Amino acid sequence: MKTLFATVALSAMMAGAAMAQEIIVVSHGQANDPFWSVVKNGAVEAAKDTGVTVDFRSPETFDMVQMSQLIDAAVNQEPDGLVVSIPDADALGPSIKRAVDAGIPVISMNSGGDVSKQLGALLHVGQSEFDAGKAAGEKLSEMGGTKGICVNQEVGNVSLDQRCAGFAEGFGHPVAVIPTMTDPAEVQAKVRAALESDPDVNTVLSLSAPLVGEPAVKAVKALGRDDVLVATFDMSSSFLQSVADGDAAFAIDQQQFLQGYLPVSFLALHAKYGLMPAGDVPSGPNLITKDKAAQVIDLAAKGIR
């Protein structure tokens, strides 16, 4: 009898394992990047809440060839759903279309909202990068900015180009794009050099809080330039503290936790019940100014904001 019960229990466990839904997430940003670790945290929590398994994958560096290969490998596994970011539609489009043609439900997140539907994705979770940049530019101009730089740490990422373009339009004053890498020391040196070479520059827009925003604040403080406005896309507890202390203007929150959480949840519900929202879900932008900064510092430190 015990053997019979054990066999039944084992059969039930195997059946449950066979029914477990698998969602694969392929992003262009690495999970050890503070921004992307929050996205991954959202995906992992959604997996726990919905009972699916999630596999979060990304190239070792910003590499569209490697990312397309990761998407192709995911398609070959025939998952119940695929979540992708789309920083370069030309490079990634064929692989995404291959997933759609294979009957795999695809949701895009973070980047690629403007091309998501035409590639066959069901919907997009993220923010309009151009509109977010425009909102930042308008706010910085309102705060007294008259000449700015947009510091791009990931040249070739279309979404970051859109941020700088939106900033230039909303700002309405001269803007120069400063290309750099993700090394904070290099970022600090380049921002400092830009401010020293042109004293009229009084506005710095960073496209990443931990990678660019924090070293930009250090560069400005090292020069004693109290007149320089520093704002950033995305957040970190350190940059938010700078906002709370008055050393930075604001951070642009796109709520990237939702970019990980919602697509996994939607795909789990789709696999189980055939449910899916009828349109894209805007996760941002939301400007975190001095009056709001203190409220979200703790959540940023916990990997949620």
Protein backbone atom coordinates (compact mmCIF):
# COMPACT_ATOMS: atom_id res chain seq x y z
CA MET A 1 0.00 0.00 0.00
CA LYS A 2 2.83 2.39 0.88
CA THR A 3 4.37 1.66 -2.50
CA LEU A 4 1.08 2.50 -4.20
CA PHE A 5 0.77 5.80 -2.32
CA ALA A 6 4.37 6.67 -3.14
CA THR A 7 3.79 5.92 -6.81
CA VAL A 8 0.64 8.06 -6.88
CA ALA A 9 2.42 10.93 -5.10
CA LEU A 10 5.37 10.72 -7.48
CA SER A 11 3.04 10.68 -10.49
CA ALA A 12 1.24 13.77 -9.14
CA MET A 13 4.53 15.57 -8.64
CA MET A 14 5.69 14.71 -12.16
CA ALA A 15 2.38 15.87 -13.61
CA GLY A 16 2.66 19.14 -11.72
CA ALA A 17 6.21 19.62 -12.94
CA ALA A 18 5.08 18.94 -16.52
CA MET A 19 2.34 21.56 -16.17
CA ALA A 20 4.64 24.23 -14.74
CA GLN A 21 4.76 27.21 -17.07
CA GLU A 22 8.11 28.63 -18.10
CA ILE A 23 8.65 32.28 -18.95
CA ILE A 24 11.99 33.37 -20.39
CA VAL A 25 13.14 36.98 -20.06
CA VAL A 26 15.89 38.26 -22.37
CA SER A 27 17.12 41.77 -21.63
CA HIS A 28 19.92 43.87 -23.09
CA GLY A 29 21.02 44.93 -19.60
CA GLN A 30 22.85 42.69 -17.20
CA ALA A 31 21.15 41.54 -13.99
CA ASN A 32 24.18 42.74 -11.98
CA ASP A 33 23.50 46.30 -13.20
CA PRO A 34 21.64 48.03 -10.33
CA PHE A 35 18.83 49.07 -12.69
CA TRP A 36 18.37 45.64 -14.21
CA SER A 37 18.62 43.89 -10.87
CA VAL A 38 15.36 45.66 -9.97
CA VAL A 39 13.77 44.44 -13.21
CA LYS A 40 14.88 40.91 -12.35
CA ASN A 41 13.54 41.28 -8.81
CA GLY A 42 10.14 42.12 -10.29
CA ALA A 43 10.22 39.11 -12.62
CA VAL A 44 11.24 36.78 -9.78
CA GLU A 45 8.47 38.06 -7.49
CA ALA A 46 5.90 37.66 -10.27
CA ALA A 47 7.05 34.07 -10.75
CA LYS A 48 6.52 33.38 -7.06
CA ASP A 49 3.09 35.02 -7.06
CA THR A 50 1.86 33.18 -10.16
CA GLY A 51 3.59 29.82 -9.72
CA VAL A 52 5.57 29.91 -12.96
CA THR A 53 9.31 29.50 -13.48
CA VAL A 54 11.35 32.40 -14.83
CA ASP A 55 14.73 32.30 -16.53
CA PHE A 56 16.34 35.77 -16.77
CA ARG A 57 19.04 36.04 -19.44
CA SER A 58 21.21 38.84 -20.84
CA PRO A 59 24.44 39.25 -22.82
CA GLU A 60 27.67 39.84 -20.90
CA THR A 61 27.89 43.36 -22.37
CA PHE A 62 25.65 45.51 -24.58
CA ASP A 63 25.86 43.14 -27.54
CA MET A 64 22.97 42.84 -30.01
CA VAL A 65 24.43 39.81 -31.79
CA GLN A 66 24.68 37.90 -28.53
CA MET A 67 21.24 39.07 -27.47
CA SER A 68 19.64 37.86 -30.71
CA GLN A 69 21.31 34.51 -30.14
CA LEU A 70 19.84 34.37 -26.64
CA ILE A 71 16.37 35.03 -28.07
CA ASP A 72 16.87 32.31 -30.69
CA ALA A 73 17.95 29.87 -27.98
CA ALA A 74 14.87 30.75 -25.95
CA VAL A 75 12.61 30.13 -28.95
CA ASN A 76 14.15 26.68 -29.38
CA GLN A 77 13.07 25.84 -25.81
CA GLU A 78 9.43 26.57 -26.68
CA PRO A 79 8.58 28.45 -23.45
CA ASP A 80 5.04 29.45 -22.49
CA GLY A 81 6.00 33.10 -22.91
CA LEU A 82 8.91 35.36 -23.83
CA VAL A 83 9.72 38.81 -22.46
CA VAL A 84 12.23 40.93 -24.39
CA SER A 85 13.65 44.42 -24.33
CA ILE A 86 14.18 45.93 -27.81
CA PRO A 87 17.01 48.49 -27.81
CA ASP A 88 17.71 47.81 -31.51
CA ALA A 89 14.77 46.64 -33.62
CA ASP A 90 16.86 46.09 -36.74
CA ALA A 91 19.20 43.71 -34.94
CA LEU A 92 16.63 41.89 -32.81
CA GLY A 93 13.53 42.03 -35.04
CA PRO A 94 14.17 38.77 -36.96
CA SER A 95 14.65 36.78 -33.75
CA ILE A 96 11.52 38.28 -32.15
CA LYS A 97 9.47 37.56 -35.27
CA ARG A 98 10.76 33.99 -35.17
CA ALA A 99 9.35 33.64 -31.67
CA VAL A 100 5.99 35.05 -32.76
CA ASP A 101 5.89 32.77 -35.84
CA ALA A 102 6.56 29.82 -33.52
CA GLY A 103 3.41 30.68 -31.59
CA ILE A 104 5.20 31.92 -28.49
CA PRO A 105 3.42 34.87 -26.79
CA VAL A 106 5.85 37.80 -26.63
CA ILE A 107 5.70 40.92 -24.48
CA SER A 108 8.29 43.68 -24.81
CA MET A 109 9.45 45.76 -21.87
CA ASN A 110 11.67 48.73 -21.09
CA SER A 111 12.71 49.63 -24.65
CA GLY A 112 11.10 49.26 -28.06
CA GLY A 113 7.61 50.49 -27.35
CA ASP A 114 7.50 52.20 -30.74
CA VAL A 115 8.23 48.97 -32.67
CA SER A 116 6.76 46.37 -30.34
CA LYS A 117 3.43 45.87 -32.13
CA GLN A 118 4.89 45.72 -35.64
CA LEU A 119 7.24 42.94 -34.51
CA GLY A 120 4.27 40.95 -33.24
CA ALA A 121 4.51 41.51 -29.50
CA LEU A 122 1.21 41.44 -27.62
CA LEU A 123 1.96 44.64 -25.72
CA HIS A 124 4.73 46.76 -24.22
CA VAL A 125 5.43 47.66 -20.59
CA GLY A 126 7.63 50.73 -20.20
CA GLN A 127 7.80 54.44 -20.83
CA SER A 128 8.16 56.58 -23.93
CA GLU A 129 11.83 57.51 -23.71
CA PHE A 130 11.46 60.56 -25.95
CA ASP A 131 8.51 61.88 -23.95
CA ALA A 132 10.34 61.24 -20.67
CA GLY A 133 13.38 63.11 -21.95
CA LYS A 134 11.16 65.97 -23.10
CA ALA A 135 9.51 66.18 -19.67
CA ALA A 136 12.96 66.28 -18.05
CA GLY A 137 14.12 69.01 -20.42
CA GLU A 138 11.05 71.15 -19.76
CA LYS A 139 11.50 70.79 -15.99
CA LEU A 140 15.24 71.60 -16.11
CA SER A 141 14.59 74.66 -18.25
CA GLU A 142 11.90 75.74 -15.79
CA MET A 143 14.45 75.34 -12.97
CA GLY A 144 16.87 77.74 -14.70
CA GLY A 145 18.93 75.55 -17.02
CA THR A 146 20.26 77.37 -20.10
CA LYS A 147 22.94 75.07 -21.58
CA GLY A 148 23.13 71.33 -21.09
CA ILE A 149 24.91 68.06 -21.68
CA CYS A 150 23.29 64.63 -22.02
CA VAL A 151 25.67 61.90 -20.84
CA ASN A 152 25.14 58.61 -22.71
CA GLN A 153 26.83 55.57 -21.17
CA GLU A 154 25.52 53.05 -23.73
CA VAL A 155 26.08 54.43 -27.22
CA GLY A 156 24.10 52.45 -29.79
CA ASN A 157 21.07 51.94 -27.55
CA VAL A 158 18.26 53.61 -29.51
CA SER A 159 16.25 54.21 -26.33
CA LEU A 160 19.06 56.28 -24.84
CA ASP A 161 19.37 58.28 -28.05
CA GLN A 162 15.63 59.00 -27.76
CA ARG A 163 16.12 60.23 -24.20
CA CYS A 164 18.74 62.75 -25.29
CA ALA A 165 16.64 63.84 -28.30
CA GLY A 166 13.60 64.38 -26.10
CA PHE A 167 15.69 66.30 -23.59
CA ALA A 168 17.00 68.63 -26.30
CA GLU A 169 13.47 69.36 -27.55
CA GLY A 170 11.98 69.95 -24.12
CA PHE A 171 14.96 71.95 -22.85
CA GLY A 172 14.84 74.44 -25.72
CA HIS A 173 18.47 75.47 -25.21
CA PRO A 174 21.81 74.16 -26.55
CA VAL A 175 22.50 70.50 -25.64
CA ALA A 176 25.62 68.45 -26.36
CA VAL A 177 25.68 64.65 -26.10
CA ILE A 178 28.66 63.30 -24.17
CA PRO A 179 29.39 59.63 -24.98
CA THR A 180 31.05 57.58 -22.28
CA MET A 181 31.31 54.05 -20.91
CA THR A 182 29.88 52.58 -17.72
CA ASP A 183 33.03 53.24 -15.67
CA PRO A 184 32.07 55.80 -12.97
CA ALA A 185 35.61 57.20 -12.87
CA GLU A 186 35.51 57.89 -16.62
CA VAL A 187 32.06 59.43 -16.33
CA GLN A 188 33.16 61.73 -13.52
CA ALA A 189 36.22 62.80 -15.51
CA LYS A 190 34.21 63.49 -18.68
CA VAL A 191 31.51 65.48 -16.89
CA ARG A 192 34.15 67.51 -15.08
CA ALA A 193 35.99 68.16 -18.36
CA ALA A 194 32.77 69.29 -20.05
CA LEU A 195 32.00 71.72 -17.24
CA GLU A 196 35.55 73.07 -17.12
CA SER A 197 35.79 73.53 -20.89
CA ASP A 198 32.50 75.44 -21.07
CA PRO A 199 31.51 77.34 -17.90
CA ASP A 200 28.16 78.20 -19.51
CA VAL A 201 27.03 74.57 -19.14
CA ASN A 202 24.77 74.54 -16.10
CA THR A 203 22.65 71.43 -16.71
CA VAL A 204 23.60 67.75 -16.74
CA LEU A 205 21.17 65.00 -17.70
CA SER A 206 22.32 61.49 -16.82
CA LEU A 207 20.77 58.41 -18.42
CA SER A 208 21.53 56.11 -15.46
CA ALA A 209 21.53 57.00 -11.77
CA PRO A 210 24.24 54.63 -10.48
CA LEU A 211 26.43 54.61 -13.58
CA VAL A 212 26.29 58.31 -14.52
CA GLY A 213 24.16 60.31 -12.10
CA GLU A 214 26.21 59.58 -8.99
CA PRO A 215 29.62 60.36 -10.57
CA ALA A 216 28.11 63.47 -12.21
CA VAL A 217 27.08 64.78 -8.78
CA LYS A 218 30.63 64.12 -7.54
CA ALA A 219 32.10 66.02 -10.51
CA VAL A 220 29.87 69.03 -9.88
CA LYS A 221 30.64 69.08 -6.14
CA ALA A 222 34.38 68.73 -6.79
CA LEU A 223 34.23 71.87 -8.92
CA GLY A 224 32.13 73.74 -6.35
CA ARG A 225 29.52 74.47 -9.01
CA ASP A 226 26.38 75.08 -6.97
CA ASP A 227 24.72 76.54 -10.07
CA VAL A 228 24.73 73.23 -12.01
CA LEU A 229 21.50 71.23 -12.18
CA VAL A 230 21.98 67.45 -12.24
CA ALA A 231 19.08 65.15 -13.09
CA THR A 232 18.99 61.50 -14.04
CA PHE A 233 16.90 58.80 -15.59
CA ASP A 234 16.17 55.99 -13.14
CA MET A 235 17.13 55.90 -9.50
CA SER A 236 19.57 54.71 -6.86
CA SER A 237 19.44 55.23 -3.11
CA SER A 238 22.61 57.36 -3.30
CA PHE A 239 21.28 59.64 -6.05
CA LEU A 240 17.94 59.98 -4.28
CA GLN A 241 19.83 61.07 -1.18
CA SER A 242 21.54 63.73 -3.32
CA VAL A 243 18.08 64.92 -4.43
CA ALA A 244 16.86 64.98 -0.83
CA ASP A 245 19.98 66.95 0.20
CA GLY A 246 19.54 69.47 -2.61
CA ASP A 247 22.67 68.35 -4.51
CA ALA A 248 20.64 67.06 -7.47
CA ALA A 249 17.45 68.23 -9.15
CA PHE A 250 15.39 65.08 -9.63
CA ALA A 251 15.32 61.48 -10.82
CA ILE A 252 13.03 60.08 -13.50
CA ASP A 253 11.34 56.95 -12.19
CA GLN A 254 10.13 54.51 -14.86
CA GLN A 255 9.23 51.95 -12.17
CA GLN A 256 11.35 49.19 -13.67
CA PHE A 257 10.17 46.71 -11.04
CA LEU A 258 6.85 46.76 -12.93
CA GLN A 259 8.72 46.12 -16.19
CA GLY A 260 9.85 42.80 -14.77
CA TYR A 261 6.74 41.97 -12.75
CA LEU A 262 3.88 42.77 -15.13
CA PRO A 263 5.02 40.93 -18.31
CA VAL A 264 5.64 37.72 -16.35
CA SER A 265 2.26 38.05 -14.62
CA PHE A 266 0.46 38.77 -17.89
CA LEU A 267 2.07 35.81 -19.66
CA ALA A 268 1.27 33.50 -16.74
CA LEU A 269 -2.40 34.55 -16.87
CA HIS A 270 -2.38 34.18 -20.64
CA ALA A 271 -1.03 30.64 -20.43
CA LYS A 272 -3.56 29.70 -17.74
CA TYR A 273 -6.70 31.57 -18.76
CA GLY A 274 -6.03 33.21 -22.13
CA LEU A 275 -6.17 36.67 -20.55
CA MET A 276 -4.18 39.66 -21.80
CA PRO A 277 -4.56 43.46 -21.41
CA ALA A 278 -5.80 45.17 -24.54
CA GLY A 279 -3.00 47.71 -24.80
CA ASP A 280 0.43 48.88 -23.68
CA VAL A 281 1.11 49.69 -20.03
CA PRO A 282 3.05 52.92 -19.34
CA SER A 283 5.24 52.42 -16.26
CA GLY A 284 6.59 55.98 -16.30
CA PRO A 285 7.79 58.68 -16.31
CA ASN A 286 7.44 60.04 -12.81
CA LEU A 287 9.74 62.85 -11.67
CA ILE A 288 11.10 62.27 -8.16
CA THR A 289 11.94 65.72 -6.82
CA LYS A 290 13.19 66.78 -3.39
CA ASP A 291 9.73 66.56 -1.81
CA LYS A 292 9.35 62.91 -2.86
CA ALA A 293 12.91 61.59 -2.64
CA ALA A 294 12.96 60.62 1.02
CA GLN A 295 9.86 58.46 0.55
CA VAL A 296 11.51 56.12 -1.96
CA ILE A 297 15.12 55.93 -0.73
CA ASP A 298 14.43 52.88 1.43
CA LEU A 299 12.61 51.05 -1.38
CA ALA A 300 15.45 51.83 -3.80
CA ALA A 301 17.93 50.33 -1.34
CA LYS A 302 15.75 47.20 -1.22
CA GLY A 303 15.79 46.79 -4.99
CA ILE A 304 12.16 47.73 -5.59
CA ARG A 305 12.30 51.37 -6.79
